Amino acid sequence: MRPSPLSSWIQTTFKISLYGIVVGILLVLLVFDSKSPVNFVLSGIIGFSGCWMIASVERFLVPRIRQEAYWVEILLVSLARIVTMAMTAVLVVFFYLLTQGMPPTQAADRAVGSALVNPSMLPVHGVAFIASLVATFFVALSRKLGPGELTQWLQGRYRHPREEQRVIMFVDLNDSTAIAHTLGDRLYSEFVQEFMAELTEPILKSGGQVSHYIGDEVVITWPITPRRPRADWPNFLNLATQALRQSAPRYQSKFGRVPDFKVGVHAGSVIATEVGVLKSEIVFHGDALNVGARLAGLCRSLGASALVTQQALDLASNLAQGSAESKGVQEIRGRAAGVEAFAWRTAE
């Protein structure tokens, strides 16, 4: 049984909150004069519970401000983090003072005074707010570029062409022309926007990377390395199908139809390089892309929603998540030799 989105979020948040304990302990070492065990314990509790509360607030807040300007999102998220952490500190100190026998009113005044209005805490709040702004900015930038892209760009990894082994997947929206004609340009753009957003979690959870978007199509890759010799593309297809099924009522209500897609998957050697001076991006060249794109185009004629090659099957991390049926050798335009295509069906 697959974990629900809520249980996955709880597991991730718990791991992040463990870092909050480390931050709380470091805060005592760097800021507080008193290094008493009580300060270490309280700071660790504040760090853990504060990170948990921040994650809870962001889970509610971020989807509701995602359509705002980026600077608004960065500012609001940073403010929410600082306010949440400050209120968490007040609550933890308040309950600690209650356990020491202090009356509730006095404990509340003492907690607010020590955690919020204490002059020694003002530099802490200021530094935390600036750090939150910077961290939120880089998180937003990383999300914009894609996981790992910012680091690779700073390292100049693709300044010169380099050969890599990757699984390449083309995900193409079905009946896009008819849908665009029915919905109109603006509503169709929203339809594509929400469909692509729906694929985000499946991409991240399966370890995929977005190469680029082409209209209503997205190209996803999985790098094959000694540390990650397999690609979890079957899991992506399962998660994407499941996500669209769960969101079907919303799509039906808003657009009158639910998005469906076709897929072509191949694996092999590609050349990765950074192209362009203005708005440069990392692109891939090679036969693997041509085969993947052509397979996606053959899905309708072969009666399949996903066509994959033997190379992609050989590098899949979990073939138990679906089944493959040979559709014979298919001619690929621009390629002398044909490719055996397999219709992939995800497990229910």
C-alpha atoms as a PDB file:
ATOM      1  CA  MET A   1       0.000   0.000   0.000  1.00  0.00           C
ATOM      2  CA  ARG A   2       1.325   3.421  -0.943  1.00  0.00           C
ATOM      3  CA  PRO A   3       1.629   6.050   1.791  1.00  0.00           C
ATOM      4  CA  SER A   4      -0.983   8.781   1.613  1.00  0.00           C
ATOM      5  CA  PRO A   5       0.127  12.376   0.849  1.00  0.00           C
ATOM      6  CA  LEU A   6      -0.545  13.222   4.509  1.00  0.00           C
ATOM      7  CA  SER A   7       1.629  10.398   5.871  1.00  0.00           C
ATOM      8  CA  SER A   8       4.406  11.292   3.417  1.00  0.00           C
ATOM      9  CA  TRP A   9       4.217  14.899   4.585  1.00  0.00           C
ATOM     10  CA  ILE A  10       4.374  13.810   8.236  1.00  0.00           C
ATOM     11  CA  GLN A  11       7.485  11.693   7.589  1.00  0.00           C
ATOM     12  CA  THR A  12       9.223  14.520   5.725  1.00  0.00           C
ATOM     13  CA  THR A  13       8.264  17.115   8.333  1.00  0.00           C
ATOM     14  CA  PHE A  14       9.521  14.903  11.146  1.00  0.00           C
ATOM     15  CA  LYS A  15      12.925  14.587   9.481  1.00  0.00           C
ATOM     16  CA  ILE A  16      13.137  18.353   8.960  1.00  0.00           C
ATOM     17  CA  SER A  17      12.096  18.994  12.562  1.00  0.00           C
ATOM     18  CA  LEU A  18      15.025  16.920  13.787  1.00  0.00           C
ATOM     19  CA  TYR A  19      17.293  19.583  12.295  1.00  0.00           C
ATOM     20  CA  GLY A  20      15.362  22.109  14.373  1.00  0.00           C
ATOM     21  CA  ILE A  21      16.748  20.458  17.498  1.00  0.00           C
ATOM     22  CA  VAL A  22      20.289  21.005  16.206  1.00  0.00           C
ATOM     23  CA  VAL A  23      19.518  24.652  15.397  1.00  0.00           C
ATOM     24  CA  GLY A  24      18.057  25.164  18.871  1.00  0.00           C
ATOM     25  CA  ILE A  25      21.148  23.734  20.550  1.00  0.00           C
ATOM     26  CA  LEU A  26      23.460  25.853  18.367  1.00  0.00           C
ATOM     27  CA  LEU A  27      21.409  28.916  19.325  1.00  0.00           C
ATOM     28  CA  VAL A  28      22.191  28.287  23.000  1.00  0.00           C
ATOM     29  CA  LEU A  29      25.890  27.853  22.272  1.00  0.00           C
ATOM     30  CA  LEU A  30      26.175  30.985  20.126  1.00  0.00           C
ATOM     31  CA  VAL A  31      23.717  33.443  21.691  1.00  0.00           C
ATOM     32  CA  PHE A  32      22.855  32.653  25.309  1.00  0.00           C
ATOM     33  CA  ASP A  33      25.217  33.408  28.152  1.00  0.00           C
ATOM     34  CA  SER A  34      23.802  30.609  30.270  1.00  0.00           C
ATOM     35  CA  LYS A  35      24.645  27.126  29.035  1.00  0.00           C
ATOM     36  CA  SER A  36      22.398  25.383  31.562  1.00  0.00           C
ATOM     37  CA  PRO A  37      20.818  22.009  30.670  1.00  0.00           C
ATOM     38  CA  VAL A  38      17.373  23.655  30.896  1.00  0.00           C
ATOM     39  CA  ASN A  39      18.282  26.104  28.109  1.00  0.00           C
ATOM     40  CA  PHE A  40      19.538  23.275  25.916  1.00  0.00           C
ATOM     41  CA  VAL A  41      16.366  21.218  26.461  1.00  0.00           C
ATOM     42  CA  LEU A  42      14.017  24.166  25.925  1.00  0.00           C
ATOM     43  CA  SER A  43      15.851  25.312  22.794  1.00  0.00           C
ATOM     44  CA  GLY A  44      15.776  21.788  21.378  1.00  0.00           C
ATOM     45  CA  ILE A  45      12.034  21.521  22.024  1.00  0.00           C
ATOM     46  CA  ILE A  46      11.449  24.970  20.512  1.00  0.00           C
ATOM     47  CA  GLY A  47      13.511  24.030  17.458  1.00  0.00           C
ATOM     48  CA  PHE A  48      11.667  20.756  16.887  1.00  0.00           C
ATOM     49  CA  SER A  49       8.149  22.045  17.527  1.00  0.00           C
ATOM     50  CA  GLY A  50       8.870  25.311  15.715  1.00  0.00           C
ATOM     51  CA  CYS A  51       9.951  23.522  12.538  1.00  0.00           C
ATOM     52  CA  TRP A  52       6.878  21.311  12.773  1.00  0.00           C
ATOM     53  CA  MET A  53       4.590  24.321  13.148  1.00  0.00           C
ATOM     54  CA  ILE A  54       6.326  26.168  10.310  1.00  0.00           C
ATOM     55  CA  ALA A  55       5.837  23.191   8.002  1.00  0.00           C
ATOM     56  CA  SER A  56       2.160  23.040   9.010  1.00  0.00           C
ATOM     57  CA  VAL A  57       1.660  26.753   8.322  1.00  0.00           C
ATOM     58  CA  GLU A  58       3.428  26.517   4.962  1.00  0.00           C
ATOM     59  CA  ARG A  59       1.340  23.494   3.961  1.00  0.00           C
ATOM     60  CA  PHE A  60      -1.723  25.703   4.417  1.00  0.00           C
ATOM     61  CA  LEU A  61      -0.255  29.017   3.224  1.00  0.00           C
ATOM     62  CA  VAL A  62       1.883  28.296   0.157  1.00  0.00           C
ATOM     63  CA  PRO A  63      -0.835  26.783  -2.100  1.00  0.00           C
ATOM     64  CA  ARG A  64      -2.987  29.851  -1.407  1.00  0.00           C
ATOM     65  CA  ILE A  65      -0.358  32.415  -2.401  1.00  0.00           C
ATOM     66  CA  ARG A  66       1.268  30.531  -5.285  1.00  0.00           C
ATOM     67  CA  GLN A  67      -0.455  32.778  -7.813  1.00  0.00           C
ATOM     68  CA  GLU A  68       0.978  35.919  -6.204  1.00  0.00           C
ATOM     69  CA  ALA A  69       4.179  37.654  -7.294  1.00  0.00           C
ATOM     70  CA  TYR A  70       7.318  35.812  -6.208  1.00  0.00           C
ATOM     71  CA  TRP A  71       8.445  38.644  -3.928  1.00  0.00           C
ATOM     72  CA  VAL A  72       5.074  38.528  -2.146  1.00  0.00           C
ATOM     73  CA  GLU A  73       5.389  34.765  -1.633  1.00  0.00           C
ATOM     74  CA  ILE A  74       8.960  35.102  -0.325  1.00  0.00           C
ATOM     75  CA  LEU A  75       8.021  37.901   2.089  1.00  0.00           C
ATOM     76  CA  LEU A  76       4.861  36.230   3.405  1.00  0.00           C
ATOM     77  CA  VAL A  77       6.534  32.850   3.893  1.00  0.00           C
ATOM     78  CA  SER A  78       9.464  34.471   5.710  1.00  0.00           C
ATOM     79  CA  LEU A  79       7.140  36.441   7.992  1.00  0.00           C
ATOM     80  CA  ALA A  80       5.053  33.346   8.661  1.00  0.00           C
ATOM     81  CA  ARG A  81       8.176  31.408   9.650  1.00  0.00           C
ATOM     82  CA  ILE A  82       9.385  34.064  12.097  1.00  0.00           C
ATOM     83  CA  VAL A  83       5.973  34.625  13.681  1.00  0.00           C
ATOM     84  CA  THR A  84       5.379  30.875  13.988  1.00  0.00           C
ATOM     85  CA  MET A  85       8.776  30.255  15.563  1.00  0.00           C
ATOM     86  CA  ALA A  86       8.307  33.169  18.008  1.00  0.00           C
ATOM     87  CA  MET A  87       4.851  31.965  19.065  1.00  0.00           C
ATOM     88  CA  THR A  88       6.193  28.436  19.477  1.00  0.00           C
ATOM     89  CA  ALA A  89       8.949  29.752  21.730  1.00  0.00           C
ATOM     90  CA  VAL A  90       6.374  31.617  23.844  1.00  0.00           C
ATOM     91  CA  LEU A  91       4.225  28.503  24.236  1.00  0.00           C
ATOM     92  CA  VAL A  92       7.136  26.232  25.147  1.00  0.00           C
ATOM     93  CA  VAL A  93       8.483  28.672  27.753  1.00  0.00           C
ATOM     94  CA  PHE A  94       4.945  29.222  29.088  1.00  0.00           C
ATOM     95  CA  PHE A  95       4.286  25.518  29.637  1.00  0.00           C
ATOM     96  CA  TYR A  96       7.733  25.035  31.136  1.00  0.00           C
ATOM     97  CA  LEU A  97       7.061  27.795  33.676  1.00  0.00           C
ATOM     98  CA  LEU A  98       3.717  26.204  34.528  1.00  0.00           C
ATOM     99  CA  THR A  99       5.509  22.955  35.339  1.00  0.00           C
ATOM    100  CA  GLN A 100       7.704  24.963  37.739  1.00  0.00           C
ATOM    101  CA  GLY A 101       4.634  26.044  39.703  1.00  0.00           C
ATOM    102  CA  MET A 102       4.372  29.593  38.369  1.00  0.00           C
ATOM    103  CA  PRO A 103       0.783  31.011  38.158  1.00  0.00           C
ATOM    104  CA  PRO A 104      -0.612  31.100  34.577  1.00  0.00           C
ATOM    105  CA  THR A 105      -0.838  34.894  34.326  1.00  0.00           C
ATOM    106  CA  GLN A 106       2.701  35.409  35.554  1.00  0.00           C
ATOM    107  CA  ALA A 107       3.957  32.558  33.366  1.00  0.00           C
ATOM    108  CA  ALA A 108       2.368  34.160  30.295  1.00  0.00           C
ATOM    109  CA  ASP A 109       3.914  37.559  31.037  1.00  0.00           C
ATOM    110  CA  ARG A 110       7.285  35.968  31.666  1.00  0.00           C
ATOM    111  CA  ALA A 111       7.119  33.851  28.490  1.00  0.00           C
ATOM    112  CA  VAL A 112       6.205  36.808  26.280  1.00  0.00           C
ATOM    113  CA  GLY A 113       8.852  38.962  27.914  1.00  0.00           C
ATOM    114  CA  SER A 114      11.651  36.428  27.575  1.00  0.00           C
ATOM    115  CA  ALA A 115      10.819  35.163  24.065  1.00  0.00           C
ATOM    116  CA  LEU A 116       9.531  38.297  22.318  1.00  0.00           C
ATOM    117  CA  VAL A 117      10.247  41.655  23.927  1.00  0.00           C
ATOM    118  CA  ASN A 118      13.494  40.781  25.659  1.00  0.00           C
ATOM    119  CA  PRO A 119      16.107  43.177  24.165  1.00  0.00           C
ATOM    120  CA  SER A 120      18.650  40.362  23.934  1.00  0.00           C
ATOM    121  CA  MET A 121      16.272  38.463  21.608  1.00  0.00           C
ATOM    122  CA  LEU A 122      15.818  41.306  19.101  1.00  0.00           C
ATOM    123  CA  PRO A 123      19.091  40.566  17.270  1.00  0.00           C
ATOM    124  CA  VAL A 124      18.085  36.902  17.143  1.00  0.00           C
ATOM    125  CA  HIS A 125      14.734  37.771  15.529  1.00  0.00           C
ATOM    126  CA  GLY A 126      16.417  40.137  13.072  1.00  0.00           C
ATOM    127  CA  VAL A 127      19.051  37.627  11.993  1.00  0.00           C
ATOM    128  CA  ALA A 128      16.417  34.887  11.772  1.00  0.00           C
ATOM    129  CA  PHE A 129      14.208  37.045   9.537  1.00  0.00           C
ATOM    130  CA  ILE A 130      17.067  37.916   7.173  1.00  0.00           C
ATOM    131  CA  ALA A 131      18.180  34.285   7.089  1.00  0.00           C
ATOM    132  CA  SER A 132      14.610  33.231   6.351  1.00  0.00           C
ATOM    133  CA  LEU A 133      14.357  35.749   3.484  1.00  0.00           C
ATOM    134  CA  VAL A 134      17.598  34.486   1.940  1.00  0.00           C
ATOM    135  CA  ALA A 135      16.691  30.818   2.419  1.00  0.00           C
ATOM    136  CA  THR A 136      13.177  31.319   1.005  1.00  0.00           C
ATOM    137  CA  PHE A 137      14.595  33.181  -1.996  1.00  0.00           C
ATOM    138  CA  PHE A 138      17.012  30.361  -2.826  1.00  0.00           C
ATOM    139  CA  VAL A 139      14.290  27.734  -2.306  1.00  0.00           C
ATOM    140  CA  ALA A 140      12.031  29.638  -4.734  1.00  0.00           C
ATOM    141  CA  LEU A 141      14.925  30.011  -7.201  1.00  0.00           C
ATOM    142  CA  SER A 142      15.762  26.312  -6.925  1.00  0.00           C
ATOM    143  CA  ARG A 143      12.108  25.442  -7.520  1.00  0.00           C
ATOM    144  CA  LYS A 144      12.068  27.733 -10.538  1.00  0.00           C
ATOM    145  CA  LEU A 145      15.186  26.177 -12.064  1.00  0.00           C
ATOM    146  CA  GLY A 146      14.533  22.629 -10.863  1.00  0.00           C
ATOM    147  CA  PRO A 147      16.117  20.537  -8.090  1.00  0.00           C
ATOM    148  CA  GLY A 148      19.910  20.553  -8.379  1.00  0.00           C
ATOM    149  CA  GLU A 149      19.990  22.923 -11.352  1.00  0.00           C
ATOM    150  CA  LEU A 150      21.182  25.921  -9.326  1.00  0.00           C
ATOM    151  CA  THR A 151      24.113  23.967  -7.887  1.00  0.00           C
ATOM    152  CA  GLN A 152      25.064  22.617 -11.308  1.00  0.00           C
ATOM    153  CA  TRP A 153      24.867  26.094 -12.807  1.00  0.00           C
ATOM    154  CA  LEU A 154      27.111  27.579 -10.086  1.00  0.00           C
ATOM    155  CA  GLN A 155      29.592  24.733 -10.579  1.00  0.00           C
ATOM    156  CA  GLY A 156      29.636  25.288 -14.340  1.00  0.00           C
ATOM    157  CA  ARG A 157      28.989  21.583 -14.784  1.00  0.00           C
ATOM    158  CA  TYR A 158      27.589  21.933 -18.296  1.00  0.00           C
ATOM    159  CA  ARG A 159      29.714  24.780 -19.661  1.00  0.00           C
ATOM    160  CA  HIS A 160      31.196  22.151 -21.947  1.00  0.00           C
ATOM    161  CA  PRO A 161      29.254  19.236 -23.500  1.00  0.00           C
ATOM    162  CA  ARG A 162      29.444  16.071 -21.450  1.00  0.00           C
ATOM    163  CA  GLU A 163      28.131  12.576 -22.034  1.00  0.00           C
ATOM    164  CA  GLU A 164      25.658  11.102 -19.550  1.00  0.00           C
ATOM    165  CA  GLN A 165      23.436   8.057 -19.255  1.00  0.00           C
ATOM    166  CA  ARG A 166      19.798   8.972 -18.713  1.00  0.00           C
ATOM    167  CA  VAL A 167      16.283   7.628 -18.973  1.00  0.00           C
ATOM    168  CA  ILE A 168      14.254  10.056 -21.085  1.00  0.00           C
ATOM    169  CA  MET A 169      10.471  10.349 -20.807  1.00  0.00           C
ATOM    170  CA  PHE A 170       8.171  12.456 -22.977  1.00  0.00           C
ATOM    171  CA  VAL A 171       4.800  13.167 -21.327  1.00  0.00           C
ATOM    172  CA  ASP A 172       2.310  14.632 -23.784  1.00  0.00           C
ATOM    173  CA  LEU A 173      -1.242  15.807 -23.061  1.00  0.00           C
ATOM    174  CA  ASN A 174      -3.818  13.873 -25.086  1.00  0.00           C
ATOM    175  CA  ASP A 175      -6.262  15.644 -27.434  1.00  0.00           C
ATOM    176  CA  SER A 176      -4.660  19.011 -26.722  1.00  0.00           C
ATOM    177  CA  THR A 177      -5.878  20.658 -29.944  1.00  0.00           C
ATOM    178  CA  ALA A 178      -9.500  19.638 -29.354  1.00  0.00           C
ATOM    179  CA  ILE A 179      -9.323  20.678 -25.696  1.00  0.00           C
ATOM    180  CA  ALA A 180      -7.863  24.084 -26.610  1.00  0.00           C
ATOM    181  CA  HIS A 181     -10.629  24.623 -29.164  1.00  0.00           C
ATOM    182  CA  THR A 182     -13.311  23.696 -26.603  1.00  0.00           C
ATOM    183  CA  LEU A 183     -11.970  25.630 -23.626  1.00  0.00           C
ATOM    184  CA  GLY A 184     -10.532  28.682 -25.349  1.00  0.00           C
ATOM    185  CA  ASP A 185      -6.985  29.975 -24.997  1.00  0.00           C
ATOM    186  CA  ARG A 186      -7.108  31.339 -21.437  1.00  0.00           C
ATOM    187  CA  LEU A 187      -8.960  28.426 -19.829  1.00  0.00           C
ATOM    188  CA  TYR A 188      -6.865  25.958 -21.791  1.00  0.00           C
ATOM    189  CA  SER A 189      -3.704  27.603 -20.444  1.00  0.00           C
ATOM    190  CA  GLU A 190      -5.046  27.140 -16.914  1.00  0.00           C
ATOM    191  CA  PHE A 191      -5.832  23.516 -17.754  1.00  0.00           C
ATOM    192  CA  VAL A 192      -2.248  22.872 -18.907  1.00  0.00           C
ATOM    193  CA  GLN A 193      -0.843  24.821 -15.947  1.00  0.00           C
ATOM    194  CA  GLU A 194      -2.759  22.728 -13.416  1.00  0.00           C
ATOM    195  CA  PHE A 195      -1.940  19.491 -15.240  1.00  0.00           C
ATOM    196  CA  MET A 196       1.790  20.232 -15.138  1.00  0.00           C
ATOM    197  CA  ALA A 197       1.553  21.247 -11.475  1.00  0.00           C
ATOM    198  CA  GLU A 198      -0.127  17.901 -10.780  1.00  0.00           C
ATOM    199  CA  LEU A 199       2.989  16.118 -12.029  1.00  0.00           C
ATOM    200  CA  THR A 200       5.340  17.923  -9.624  1.00  0.00           C
ATOM    201  CA  GLU A 201       5.038  15.563  -6.654  1.00  0.00           C
ATOM    202  CA  PRO A 202       5.291  12.396  -8.782  1.00  0.00           C
ATOM    203  CA  ILE A 203       8.435  13.797 -10.435  1.00  0.00           C
ATOM    204  CA  LEU A 204      10.063  14.658  -7.107  1.00  0.00           C
ATOM    205  CA  LYS A 205       9.108  11.405  -5.391  1.00  0.00           C
ATOM    206  CA  SER A 206      10.407   9.299  -8.266  1.00  0.00           C
ATOM    207  CA  GLY A 207      13.712  11.182  -8.422  1.00  0.00           C
ATOM    208  CA  GLY A 208      13.045  12.651 -11.860  1.00  0.00           C
ATOM    209  CA  GLN A 209      14.235  15.985 -13.230  1.00  0.00           C
ATOM    210  CA  VAL A 210      12.354  18.276 -15.587  1.00  0.00           C
ATOM    211  CA  SER A 211      14.436  18.890 -18.702  1.00  0.00           C
ATOM    212  CA  HIS A 212      12.041  21.340 -20.369  1.00  0.00           C
ATOM    213  CA  TYR A 213       8.455  22.088 -21.279  1.00  0.00           C
ATOM    214  CA  ILE A 214       7.225  22.248 -24.858  1.00  0.00           C
ATOM    215  CA  GLY A 215       3.706  23.688 -24.940  1.00  0.00           C
ATOM    216  CA  ASP A 216       1.563  20.922 -23.461  1.00  0.00           C
ATOM    217  CA  GLU A 217       4.443  18.447 -23.221  1.00  0.00           C
ATOM    218  CA  VAL A 218       7.089  17.933 -20.532  1.00  0.00           C
ATOM    219  CA  VAL A 219      10.368  16.062 -20.877  1.00  0.00           C
ATOM    220  CA  ILE A 220      11.524  14.294 -17.709  1.00  0.00           C
ATOM    221  CA  THR A 221      14.891  12.605 -17.211  1.00  0.00           C
ATOM    222  CA  TRP A 222      16.433  10.266 -14.663  1.00  0.00           C
ATOM    223  CA  PRO A 223      20.250  10.339 -14.515  1.00  0.00           C
ATOM    224  CA  ILE A 224      21.915   6.935 -14.304  1.00  0.00           C
ATOM    225  CA  THR A 225      24.988   7.026 -12.077  1.00  0.00           C
ATOM    226  CA  PRO A 226      26.980   4.531  -9.987  1.00  0.00           C
ATOM    227  CA  ARG A 227      25.096   5.804  -6.918  1.00  0.00           C
ATOM    228  CA  ARG A 228      21.722   5.604  -8.688  1.00  0.00           C
ATOM    229  CA  PRO A 229      21.962   2.832 -11.278  1.00  0.00           C
ATOM    230  CA  ARG A 230      18.166   2.559 -11.672  1.00  0.00           C
ATOM    231  CA  ALA A 231      15.398   4.973 -12.639  1.00  0.00           C
ATOM    232  CA  ASP A 232      12.068   5.011 -10.847  1.00  0.00           C
ATOM    233  CA  TRP A 233      10.000   5.994 -13.888  1.00  0.00           C
ATOM    234  CA  PRO A 234       7.353   3.273 -13.237  1.00  0.00           C
ATOM    235  CA  ASN A 235       6.678   4.897  -9.869  1.00  0.00           C
ATOM    236  CA  PHE A 236       6.245   8.269 -11.578  1.00  0.00           C
ATOM    237  CA  LEU A 237       3.577   6.856 -13.886  1.00  0.00           C
ATOM    238  CA  ASN A 238       1.748   5.235 -10.973  1.00  0.00           C
ATOM    239  CA  LEU A 239       1.866   8.388  -8.850  1.00  0.00           C
ATOM    240  CA  ALA A 240       0.829  10.638 -11.741  1.00  0.00           C
ATOM    241  CA  THR A 241      -2.118   8.398 -12.627  1.00  0.00           C
ATOM    242  CA  GLN A 242      -3.159   8.267  -8.987  1.00  0.00           C
ATOM    243  CA  ALA A 243      -2.885  12.059  -8.584  1.00  0.00           C
ATOM    244  CA  LEU A 244      -5.046  12.740 -11.641  1.00  0.00           C
ATOM    245  CA  ARG A 245      -7.612  10.204 -10.481  1.00  0.00           C
ATOM    246  CA  GLN A 246      -7.869  11.909  -7.095  1.00  0.00           C
ATOM    247  CA  SER A 247      -8.167  15.357  -8.699  1.00  0.00           C
ATOM    248  CA  ALA A 248     -10.686  14.243 -11.334  1.00  0.00           C
ATOM    249  CA  PRO A 249     -13.737  15.849  -9.633  1.00  0.00           C
ATOM    250  CA  ARG A 250     -11.977  19.235  -9.505  1.00  0.00           C
ATOM    251  CA  TYR A 251     -10.973  19.075 -13.180  1.00  0.00           C
ATOM    252  CA  GLN A 252     -14.442  17.922 -14.179  1.00  0.00           C
ATOM    253  CA  SER A 253     -16.064  20.764 -12.258  1.00  0.00           C
ATOM    254  CA  LYS A 254     -13.740  23.488 -13.546  1.00  0.00           C
ATOM    255  CA  PHE A 255     -12.936  22.351 -17.095  1.00  0.00           C
ATOM    256  CA  GLY A 256     -15.545  19.748 -17.940  1.00  0.00           C
ATOM    257  CA  ARG A 257     -12.929  17.064 -18.523  1.00  0.00           C
ATOM    258  CA  VAL A 258     -10.013  15.302 -16.856  1.00  0.00           C
ATOM    259  CA  PRO A 259      -6.506  15.463 -18.385  1.00  0.00           C
ATOM    260  CA  ASP A 260      -5.051  12.297 -19.870  1.00  0.00           C
ATOM    261  CA  PHE A 261      -1.569  11.783 -21.256  1.00  0.00           C
ATOM    262  CA  LYS A 262       0.592   9.563 -23.399  1.00  0.00           C
ATOM    263  CA  VAL A 263       4.189   8.671 -22.696  1.00  0.00           C
ATOM    264  CA  GLY A 264       7.317   7.604 -24.552  1.00  0.00           C
ATOM    265  CA  VAL A 265      10.291   6.273 -22.566  1.00  0.00           C
ATOM    266  CA  HIS A 266      13.769   5.386 -23.772  1.00  0.00           C
ATOM    267  CA  ALA A 267      17.220   5.226 -22.195  1.00  0.00           C
ATOM    268  CA  GLY A 268      20.715   5.699 -23.431  1.00  0.00           C
ATOM    269  CA  SER A 269      23.617   8.042 -23.870  1.00  0.00           C
ATOM    270  CA  VAL A 270      22.905  11.765 -24.219  1.00  0.00           C
ATOM    271  CA  ILE A 271      25.061  14.851 -24.500  1.00  0.00           C
ATOM    272  CA  ALA A 272      24.198  17.460 -21.885  1.00  0.00           C
ATOM    273  CA  THR A 273      25.318  21.042 -22.313  1.00  0.00           C
ATOM    274  CA  GLU A 274      24.380  24.622 -21.489  1.00  0.00           C
ATOM    275  CA  VAL A 275      23.205  26.594 -24.534  1.00  0.00           C
ATOM    276  CA  GLY A 276      22.442  30.241 -25.014  1.00  0.00           C
ATOM    277  CA  VAL A 277      23.811  33.435 -23.513  1.00  0.00           C
ATOM    278  CA  LEU A 278      20.473  35.092 -22.812  1.00  0.00           C
ATOM    279  CA  LYS A 279      18.133  32.857 -20.814  1.00  0.00           C
ATOM    280  CA  SER A 280      20.532  29.933 -21.135  1.00  0.00           C
ATOM    281  CA  GLU A 281      19.387  26.446 -20.212  1.00  0.00           C
ATOM    282  CA  ILE A 282      20.753  22.935 -19.962  1.00  0.00           C
ATOM    283  CA  VAL A 283      19.680  20.810 -22.923  1.00  0.00           C
ATOM    284  CA  PHE A 284      20.174  17.212 -24.007  1.00  0.00           C
ATOM    285  CA  HIS A 285      21.057  15.944 -27.460  1.00  0.00           C
ATOM    286  CA  GLY A 286      21.148  12.404 -28.748  1.00  0.00           C
ATOM    287  CA  ASP A 287      19.264   9.470 -30.190  1.00  0.00           C
ATOM    288  CA  ALA A 288      17.537   8.728 -26.863  1.00  0.00           C
ATOM    289  CA  LEU A 289      15.480  11.919 -27.161  1.00  0.00           C
ATOM    290  CA  ASN A 290      14.449  11.194 -30.727  1.00  0.00           C
ATOM    291  CA  VAL A 291      13.289   7.679 -29.802  1.00  0.00           C
ATOM    292  CA  GLY A 292      11.391   8.836 -26.714  1.00  0.00           C
ATOM    293  CA  ALA A 293       9.587  11.563 -28.641  1.00  0.00           C
ATOM    294  CA  ARG A 294       8.641   9.234 -31.525  1.00  0.00           C
ATOM    295  CA  LEU A 295       7.320   6.586 -29.129  1.00  0.00           C
ATOM    296  CA  ALA A 296       5.022   9.132 -27.498  1.00  0.00           C
ATOM    297  CA  GLY A 297       3.701   9.953 -30.959  1.00  0.00           C
ATOM    298  CA  LEU A 298       3.027   6.270 -31.701  1.00  0.00           C
ATOM    299  CA  CYS A 299       0.896   5.659 -28.607  1.00  0.00           C
ATOM    300  CA  ARG A 300      -2.450   6.385 -30.257  1.00  0.00           C
ATOM    301  CA  SER A 301      -1.853   4.219 -33.327  1.00  0.00           C
ATOM    302  CA  LEU A 302      -0.679   1.303 -31.161  1.00  0.00           C
ATOM    303  CA  GLY A 303      -3.520   1.647 -28.657  1.00  0.00           C
ATOM    304  CA  ALA A 304      -1.223   2.341 -25.689  1.00  0.00           C
ATOM    305  CA  SER A 305      -0.994   5.102 -23.126  1.00  0.00           C
ATOM    306  CA  ALA A 306       2.736   4.489 -22.593  1.00  0.00           C
ATOM    307  CA  LEU A 307       5.355   2.995 -24.896  1.00  0.00           C
ATOM    308  CA  VAL A 308       8.775   2.048 -23.543  1.00  0.00           C
ATOM    309  CA  THR A 309      11.895   0.388 -24.894  1.00  0.00           C
ATOM    310  CA  GLN A 310      13.852  -2.582 -23.611  1.00  0.00           C
ATOM    311  CA  GLN A 311      16.613  -0.198 -22.523  1.00  0.00           C
ATOM    312  CA  ALA A 312      14.165   1.690 -20.316  1.00  0.00           C
ATOM    313  CA  LEU A 313      12.830  -1.562 -18.867  1.00  0.00           C
ATOM    314  CA  ASP A 314      16.361  -2.761 -18.097  1.00  0.00           C
ATOM    315  CA  LEU A 315      17.020   0.374 -16.044  1.00  0.00           C
ATOM    316  CA  ALA A 316      13.656   0.516 -14.239  1.00  0.00           C
ATOM    317  CA  SER A 317      13.878   0.279 -10.466  1.00  0.00           C
ATOM    318  CA  ASN A 318      10.612  -1.571  -9.894  1.00  0.00           C
ATOM    319  CA  LEU A 319       8.955  -3.412 -12.772  1.00  0.00           C
ATOM    320  CA  ALA A 320       6.405  -4.893 -10.353  1.00  0.00           C
ATOM    321  CA  GLN A 321       4.562  -1.565 -10.556  1.00  0.00           C
ATOM    322  CA  GLY A 322       3.232  -2.444 -13.982  1.00  0.00           C
ATOM    323  CA  SER A 323       3.415  -4.809 -16.931  1.00  0.00           C
ATOM    324  CA  ALA A 324       4.926  -4.597 -20.411  1.00  0.00           C
ATOM    325  CA  GLU A 325       3.519  -6.082 -23.624  1.00  0.00           C
ATOM    326  CA  SER A 326       5.564  -6.127 -26.811  1.00  0.00           C
ATOM    327  CA  LYS A 327       4.120  -4.206 -29.745  1.00  0.00           C
ATOM    328  CA  GLY A 328       6.820  -5.358 -32.128  1.00  0.00           C
ATOM    329  CA  VAL A 329       9.625  -3.450 -33.803  1.00  0.00           C
ATOM    330  CA  GLN A 330       8.613   0.075 -34.789  1.00  0.00           C
ATOM    331  CA  GLU A 331      10.242   2.275 -37.382  1.00  0.00           C
ATOM    332  CA  ILE A 332      11.613   5.493 -35.936  1.00  0.00           C
ATOM    333  CA  ARG A 333      11.911   8.460 -38.283  1.00  0.00           C
ATOM    334  CA  GLY A 334      15.489   9.646 -38.549  1.00  0.00           C
ATOM    335  CA  ARG A 335      16.858   6.282 -37.397  1.00  0.00           C
ATOM    336  CA  ALA A 336      18.080   3.445 -39.629  1.00  0.00           C
ATOM    337  CA  ALA A 337      17.186   0.604 -37.268  1.00  0.00           C
ATOM    338  CA  GLY A 338      13.762   0.066 -35.738  1.00  0.00           C
ATOM    339  CA  VAL A 339      13.056  -0.177 -32.016  1.00  0.00           C
ATOM    340  CA  GLU A 340      10.986  -2.782 -30.226  1.00  0.00           C
ATOM    341  CA  ALA A 341       8.243  -0.967 -28.341  1.00  0.00           C
ATOM    342  CA  PHE A 342       6.476  -2.267 -25.245  1.00  0.00           C
ATOM    343  CA  ALA A 343       3.080  -1.024 -24.088  1.00  0.00           C
ATOM    344  CA  TRP A 344       3.390  -0.266 -20.401  1.00  0.00           C
ATOM    345  CA  ARG A 345       0.344  -0.576 -18.179  1.00  0.00           C
ATOM    346  CA  THR A 346       0.560   0.621 -14.588  1.00  0.00           C
ATOM    347  CA  ALA A 347      -0.654  -1.679 -11.850  1.00  0.00           C
ATOM    348  CA  GLU A 348      -4.051  -0.797 -10.401  1.00  0.00           C
END
